[in-house]
Amino acid sequence: MAKWAEIQYLYLIGETNVAKREEYITRKRRDEYGVGFCLYEDHYPLSREAMFCEDTPFTPDRYPFD
C-alpha cells in the first residue's frame, strides 16, 4: 500500500513523469513493495488525473480488501 499511495500522490500533484517512472520500477520489483503495489493496483486502479471518483483504500468505513 505504501508504494500505491506514493505513486497515486505523485499523479495527483502533477508529477506525472516521476509517477510513471516509479510505477514502472515498482511493477518490476519482487519484494513486498512491488507485490503489494500490484495487489492494491488490481483492486484500486491508479487515477492519473488531478481528481478521481473511484474507490480508494481510504474510503471511509471500508477495509482495503473488503
Protein backbone atom coordinates (compact mmCIF):
# COMPACT_ATOMS: atom_id res chain seq x y z
CA MET A 1 0.00 0.00 0.00
CA ALA A 2 2.92 2.35 0.65
CA LYS A 3 4.05 2.45 -2.97
CA TRP A 4 0.46 2.70 -4.23
CA ALA A 5 -0.12 5.75 -2.03
CA GLU A 6 3.20 7.30 -3.07
CA ILE A 7 2.57 6.86 -6.79
CA GLN A 8 -1.06 7.97 -6.56
CA TYR A 9 0.02 11.10 -4.72
CA LEU A 10 2.62 11.87 -7.38
CA TYR A 11 -0.05 11.67 -10.07
CA LEU A 12 -2.42 13.86 -8.08
CA ILE A 13 0.13 16.63 -7.56
CA GLY A 14 1.02 16.67 -11.24
CA GLU A 15 4.38 14.88 -11.06
CA THR A 16 3.38 12.59 -13.91
CA ASN A 17 6.86 11.75 -15.18
CA VAL A 18 8.11 10.82 -11.72
CA ALA A 19 4.92 8.81 -11.05
CA LYS A 20 5.27 6.87 -14.32
CA ARG A 21 8.91 6.07 -13.57
CA GLU A 22 8.10 4.90 -10.03
CA GLU A 23 5.15 2.86 -11.28
CA TYR A 24 7.31 1.09 -13.86
CA ILE A 25 10.12 0.38 -11.38
CA THR A 26 7.70 -0.79 -8.68
CA ARG A 27 5.88 -3.20 -11.02
CA LYS A 28 9.22 -4.93 -11.69
CA ARG A 29 10.05 -5.38 -8.01
CA ARG A 30 9.54 -8.82 -6.48
CA ASP A 31 9.67 -7.77 -2.84
CA GLU A 32 6.78 -6.80 -0.54
CA TYR A 33 6.60 -3.31 -2.03
CA GLY A 34 6.30 -4.49 -5.62
CA VAL A 35 3.90 -7.34 -4.88
CA GLY A 36 1.84 -5.17 -2.52
CA PHE A 37 1.63 -2.41 -5.09
CA CYS A 38 0.33 -4.82 -7.73
CA LEU A 39 -2.29 -6.22 -5.33
CA TYR A 40 -3.56 -2.75 -4.44
CA GLU A 41 -3.48 -1.58 -8.04
CA ASP A 42 -5.62 -4.57 -9.05
CA HIS A 43 -8.28 -3.51 -6.51
CA TYR A 44 -7.80 0.25 -6.74
CA PRO A 45 -6.63 1.37 -10.19
CA LEU A 46 -4.48 4.46 -10.14
CA SER A 47 -6.03 7.71 -11.22
CA ARG A 48 -3.67 9.57 -13.49
CA GLU A 49 -5.64 12.82 -13.29
CA ALA A 50 -5.85 15.59 -10.71
CA MET A 51 -9.21 14.34 -9.36
CA PHE A 52 -10.78 10.92 -9.05
CA CYS A 53 -14.12 9.49 -8.02
CA GLU A 54 -13.25 5.80 -7.73
CA ASP A 55 -12.93 3.83 -4.52
CA THR A 56 -9.61 4.04 -2.74
CA PRO A 57 -8.25 2.13 0.25
CA PHE A 58 -9.02 5.30 2.21
CA THR A 59 -12.77 5.32 1.55
CA PRO A 60 -14.49 5.76 4.95
CA ASP A 61 -15.97 2.69 6.66
CA ARG A 62 -14.10 0.20 4.45
CA TYR A 63 -11.17 -2.09 4.86
CA PRO A 64 -8.77 -2.20 1.91
CA PHE A 65 -9.74 -5.70 0.71
CA ASP A 66 -13.43 -5.89 1.61
